[in-house]
Amino acid sequence: MENQLLPEFQEFLRSRRLVNKKYIHFYAYWASKFLSFSNKNMGLNYELQVR
């Protein structure tokens, strides 16, 4: 079963062959952690915040 964490992001990485297939879920995991962190920390610079 494919990892469903940020499926659009995973497909983006897969379609452009930016990351080895076996590491795609790892990148999706860390991207989700960053999104969660940046949304909770409003003191971050605007460029780092994700709306």
PDB file of N, CA and C in Angstrom:
ATOM      1  N   MET A   1       0.842  -1.191   0.000  1.00  0.00           N
ATOM      2  CA  MET A   1       0.000   0.000   0.000  1.00  0.00           C
ATOM      3  C   MET A   1       0.878   1.243   0.000  1.00  0.00           C
ATOM      4  N   GLU A   2       0.544   2.176  -0.852  1.00  0.00           N
ATOM      5  CA  GLU A   2       1.311   3.405  -0.996  1.00  0.00           C
ATOM      6  C   GLU A   2       1.030   4.350   0.166  1.00  0.00           C
ATOM      7  N   ASN A   3       2.050   5.057   0.591  1.00  0.00           N
ATOM      8  CA  ASN A   3       1.917   6.034   1.662  1.00  0.00           C
ATOM      9  C   ASN A   3       1.026   7.178   1.173  1.00  0.00           C
ATOM     10  N   GLN A   4       0.004   7.548   1.936  1.00  0.00           N
ATOM     11  CA  GLN A   4      -0.946   8.578   1.528  1.00  0.00           C
ATOM     12  C   GLN A   4      -0.662   9.954   2.124  1.00  0.00           C
ATOM     13  N   LEU A   5       0.506  10.130   2.685  1.00  0.00           N
ATOM     14  CA  LEU A   5       0.889  11.411   3.250  1.00  0.00           C
ATOM     15  C   LEU A   5       1.297  12.352   2.115  1.00  0.00           C
ATOM     16  N   LEU A   6       0.595  13.462   1.962  1.00  0.00           N
ATOM     17  CA  LEU A   6       0.835  14.435   0.889  1.00  0.00           C
ATOM     18  C   LEU A   6       0.925  13.752  -0.476  1.00  0.00           C
ATOM     19  N   PRO A   7      -0.141  13.095  -0.930  1.00  0.00           N
ATOM     20  CA  PRO A   7      -0.073  12.331  -2.181  1.00  0.00           C
ATOM     21  C   PRO A   7       0.275  13.166  -3.414  1.00  0.00           C
ATOM     22  N   GLU A   8      -0.187  14.431  -3.465  1.00  0.00           N
ATOM     23  CA  GLU A   8       0.138  15.276  -4.615  1.00  0.00           C
ATOM     24  C   GLU A   8       1.631  15.589  -4.653  1.00  0.00           C
ATOM     25  N   PHE A   9       2.198  15.831  -3.483  1.00  0.00           N
ATOM     26  CA  PHE A   9       3.638  16.104  -3.390  1.00  0.00           C
ATOM     27  C   PHE A   9       4.438  14.868  -3.803  1.00  0.00           C
ATOM     28  N   GLN A  10       3.993  13.703  -3.341  1.00  0.00           N
ATOM     29  CA  GLN A  10       4.670  12.468  -3.710  1.00  0.00           C
ATOM     30  C   GLN A  10       4.611  12.247  -5.219  1.00  0.00           C
ATOM     31  N   GLU A  11       3.461  12.524  -5.827  1.00  0.00           N
ATOM     32  CA  GLU A  11       3.330  12.365  -7.276  1.00  0.00           C
ATOM     33  C   GLU A  11       4.216  13.365  -8.018  1.00  0.00           C
ATOM     34  N   PHE A  12       4.317  14.580  -7.498  1.00  0.00           N
ATOM     35  CA  PHE A  12       5.200  15.587  -8.090  1.00  0.00           C
ATOM     36  C   PHE A  12       6.650  15.092  -8.103  1.00  0.00           C
ATOM     37  N   LEU A  13       7.109  14.583  -6.964  1.00  0.00           N
ATOM     38  CA  LEU A  13       8.481  14.059  -6.880  1.00  0.00           C
ATOM     39  C   LEU A  13       8.680  12.878  -7.820  1.00  0.00           C
ATOM     40  N   ARG A  14       7.685  11.993  -7.876  1.00  0.00           N
ATOM     41  CA  ARG A  14       7.770  10.802  -8.712  1.00  0.00           C
ATOM     42  C   ARG A  14       7.758  11.163 -10.193  1.00  0.00           C
ATOM     43  N   SER A  15       6.856  12.057 -10.601  1.00  0.00           N
ATOM     44  CA  SER A  15       6.711  12.388 -12.023  1.00  0.00           C
ATOM     45  C   SER A  15       7.924  13.105 -12.590  1.00  0.00           C
ATOM     46  N   ARG A  16       8.603  13.865 -11.751  1.00  0.00           N
ATOM     47  CA  ARG A  16       9.783  14.596 -12.229  1.00  0.00           C
ATOM     48  C   ARG A  16      11.094  13.891 -11.901  1.00  0.00           C
ATOM     49  N   ARG A  17      10.958  12.728 -11.267  1.00  0.00           N
ATOM     50  CA  ARG A  17      12.127  11.922 -10.898  1.00  0.00           C
ATOM     51  C   ARG A  17      13.158  12.730 -10.104  1.00  0.00           C
ATOM     52  N   LEU A  18      12.650  13.489  -9.144  1.00  0.00           N
ATOM     53  CA  LEU A  18      13.516  14.324  -8.312  1.00  0.00           C
ATOM     54  C   LEU A  18      14.155  13.543  -7.174  1.00  0.00           C
ATOM     55  N   VAL A  19      13.518  12.436  -6.794  1.00  0.00           N
ATOM     56  CA  VAL A  19      13.961  11.643  -5.657  1.00  0.00           C
ATOM     57  C   VAL A  19      13.858  10.168  -6.034  1.00  0.00           C
ATOM     58  N   ASN A  20      14.790   9.385  -5.542  1.00  0.00           N
ATOM     59  CA  ASN A  20      14.720   7.941  -5.730  1.00  0.00           C
ATOM     60  C   ASN A  20      13.388   7.439  -5.170  1.00  0.00           C
ATOM     61  N   LYS A  21      12.735   6.499  -5.857  1.00  0.00           N
ATOM     62  CA  LYS A  21      11.409   6.012  -5.457  1.00  0.00           C
ATOM     63  C   LYS A  21      11.332   5.563  -4.007  1.00  0.00           C
ATOM     64  N   LYS A  22      12.370   4.935  -3.523  1.00  0.00           N
ATOM     65  CA  LYS A  22      12.290   4.414  -2.158  1.00  0.00           C
ATOM     66  C   LYS A  22      12.378   5.498  -1.091  1.00  0.00           C
ATOM     67  N   TYR A  23      12.722   6.732  -1.461  1.00  0.00           N
ATOM     68  CA  TYR A  23      12.829   7.821  -0.496  1.00  0.00           C
ATOM     69  C   TYR A  23      11.682   8.827  -0.577  1.00  0.00           C
ATOM     70  N   ILE A  24      10.755   8.633  -1.491  1.00  0.00           N
ATOM     71  CA  ILE A  24       9.660   9.587  -1.672  1.00  0.00           C
ATOM     72  C   ILE A  24       8.839   9.751  -0.394  1.00  0.00           C
ATOM     73  N   HIS A  25       8.517   8.640   0.271  1.00  0.00           N
ATOM     74  CA  HIS A  25       7.716   8.747   1.497  1.00  0.00           C
ATOM     75  C   HIS A  25       8.467   9.510   2.587  1.00  0.00           C
ATOM     76  N   PHE A  26       9.790   9.406   2.622  1.00  0.00           N
ATOM     77  CA  PHE A  26      10.606  10.132   3.596  1.00  0.00           C
ATOM     78  C   PHE A  26      10.504  11.646   3.357  1.00  0.00           C
ATOM     79  N   TYR A  27      10.612  12.062   2.094  1.00  0.00           N
ATOM     80  CA  TYR A  27      10.487  13.487   1.773  1.00  0.00           C
ATOM     81  C   TYR A  27       9.089  14.005   2.101  1.00  0.00           C
ATOM     82  N   ALA A  28       8.061  13.208   1.823  1.00  0.00           N
ATOM     83  CA  ALA A  28       6.687  13.613   2.141  1.00  0.00           C
ATOM     84  C   ALA A  28       6.501  13.754   3.649  1.00  0.00           C
ATOM     85  N   TYR A  29       7.092  12.844   4.405  1.00  0.00           N
ATOM     86  CA  TYR A  29       7.005  12.909   5.865  1.00  0.00           C
ATOM     87  C   TYR A  29       7.621  14.209   6.381  1.00  0.00           C
ATOM     88  N   TRP A  30       8.823  14.525   5.935  1.00  0.00           N
ATOM     89  CA  TRP A  30       9.485  15.729   6.426  1.00  0.00           C
ATOM     90  C   TRP A  30       8.819  17.006   5.925  1.00  0.00           C
ATOM     91  N   ALA A  31       8.277  16.982   4.722  1.00  0.00           N
ATOM     92  CA  ALA A  31       7.537  18.148   4.230  1.00  0.00           C
ATOM     93  C   ALA A  31       6.294  18.377   5.089  1.00  0.00           C
ATOM     94  N   SER A  32       5.603  17.309   5.469  1.00  0.00           N
ATOM     95  CA  SER A  32       4.417  17.465   6.308  1.00  0.00           C
ATOM     96  C   SER A  32       4.790  17.987   7.691  1.00  0.00           C
ATOM     97  N   LYS A  33       5.919  17.534   8.219  1.00  0.00           N
ATOM     98  CA  LYS A  33       6.384  18.037   9.518  1.00  0.00           C
ATOM     99  C   LYS A  33       6.704  19.523   9.437  1.00  0.00           C
ATOM    100  N   PHE A  34       7.350  19.955   8.354  1.00  0.00           N
ATOM    101  CA  PHE A  34       7.665  21.372   8.193  1.00  0.00           C
ATOM    102  C   PHE A  34       6.391  22.199   8.070  1.00  0.00           C
ATOM    103  N   LEU A  35       5.418  21.721   7.299  1.00  0.00           N
ATOM    104  CA  LEU A  35       4.159  22.450   7.150  1.00  0.00           C
ATOM    105  C   LEU A  35       3.463  22.609   8.497  1.00  0.00           C
ATOM    106  N   SER A  36       3.447  21.555   9.268  1.00  0.00           N
ATOM    107  CA  SER A  36       2.837  21.609  10.600  1.00  0.00           C
ATOM    108  C   SER A  36       3.577  22.599  11.491  1.00  0.00           C
ATOM    109  N   PHE A  37       4.894  22.536  11.485  1.00  0.00           N
ATOM    110  CA  PHE A  37       5.717  23.435  12.294  1.00  0.00           C
ATOM    111  C   PHE A  37       5.517  24.886  11.882  1.00  0.00           C
ATOM    112  N   SER A  38       5.554  25.161  10.582  1.00  0.00           N
ATOM    113  CA  SER A  38       5.470  26.549  10.118  1.00  0.00           C
ATOM    114  C   SER A  38       4.094  27.144  10.381  1.00  0.00           C
ATOM    115  N   ASN A  39       3.061  26.337  10.328  1.00  0.00           N
ATOM    116  CA  ASN A  39       1.717  26.846  10.592  1.00  0.00           C
ATOM    117  C   ASN A  39       1.494  27.128  12.073  1.00  0.00           C
ATOM    118  N   LYS A  40       2.237  26.468  12.951  1.00  0.00           N
ATOM    119  CA  LYS A  40       2.102  26.684  14.396  1.00  0.00           C
ATOM    120  C   LYS A  40       2.972  27.831  14.891  1.00  0.00           C
ATOM    121  N   ASN A  41       4.001  28.200  14.161  1.00  0.00           N
ATOM    122  CA  ASN A  41       4.952  29.215  14.597  1.00  0.00           C
ATOM    123  C   ASN A  41       4.787  30.476  13.757  1.00  0.00           C
ATOM    124  N   MET A  42       3.902  31.330  14.182  1.00  0.00           N
ATOM    125  CA  MET A  42       3.605  32.537  13.413  1.00  0.00           C
ATOM    126  C   MET A  42       4.748  33.549  13.427  1.00  0.00           C
ATOM    127  N   GLY A  43       5.756  33.347  14.257  1.00  0.00           N
ATOM    128  CA  GLY A  43       6.888  34.256  14.302  1.00  0.00           C
ATOM    129  C   GLY A  43       7.873  34.043  13.171  1.00  0.00           C
ATOM    130  N   LEU A  44       7.625  33.043  12.329  1.00  0.00           N
ATOM    131  CA  LEU A  44       8.535  32.778  11.213  1.00  0.00           C
ATOM    132  C   LEU A  44       8.426  33.872  10.160  1.00  0.00           C
ATOM    133  N   ASN A  45       9.469  34.026   9.409  1.00  0.00           N
ATOM    134  CA  ASN A  45       9.498  34.956   8.299  1.00  0.00           C
ATOM    135  C   ASN A  45       8.383  34.574   7.316  1.00  0.00           C
ATOM    136  N   TYR A  46       7.775  35.561   6.652  1.00  0.00           N
ATOM    137  CA  TYR A  46       6.648  35.295   5.753  1.00  0.00           C
ATOM    138  C   TYR A  46       6.993  34.267   4.681  1.00  0.00           C
ATOM    139  N   GLU A  47       8.199  34.317   4.153  1.00  0.00           N
ATOM    140  CA  GLU A  47       8.584  33.400   3.080  1.00  0.00           C
ATOM    141  C   GLU A  47       8.576  31.943   3.555  1.00  0.00           C
ATOM    142  N   LEU A  48       8.758  31.724   4.854  1.00  0.00           N
ATOM    143  CA  LEU A  48       8.783  30.362   5.376  1.00  0.00           C
ATOM    144  C   LEU A  48       7.420  29.869   5.831  1.00  0.00           C
ATOM    145  N   GLN A  49       6.478  30.786   6.019  1.00  0.00           N
ATOM    146  CA  GLN A  49       5.156  30.372   6.459  1.00  0.00           C
ATOM    147  C   GLN A  49       4.372  29.809   5.282  1.00  0.00           C
ATOM    148  N   VAL A  50       3.544  28.839   5.557  1.00  0.00           N
ATOM    149  CA  VAL A  50       2.684  28.244   4.538  1.00  0.00           C
ATOM    150  C   VAL A  50       1.255  28.482   4.965  1.00  0.00           C
ATOM    151  N   ARG A  51       0.502  29.062   4.082  1.00  0.00           N
ATOM    152  CA  ARG A  51      -0.907  29.350   4.389  1.00  0.00           C
ATOM    153  C   ARG A  51      -1.756  28.169   4.023  1.00  0.00           C
TER     154      ARG A  51
END
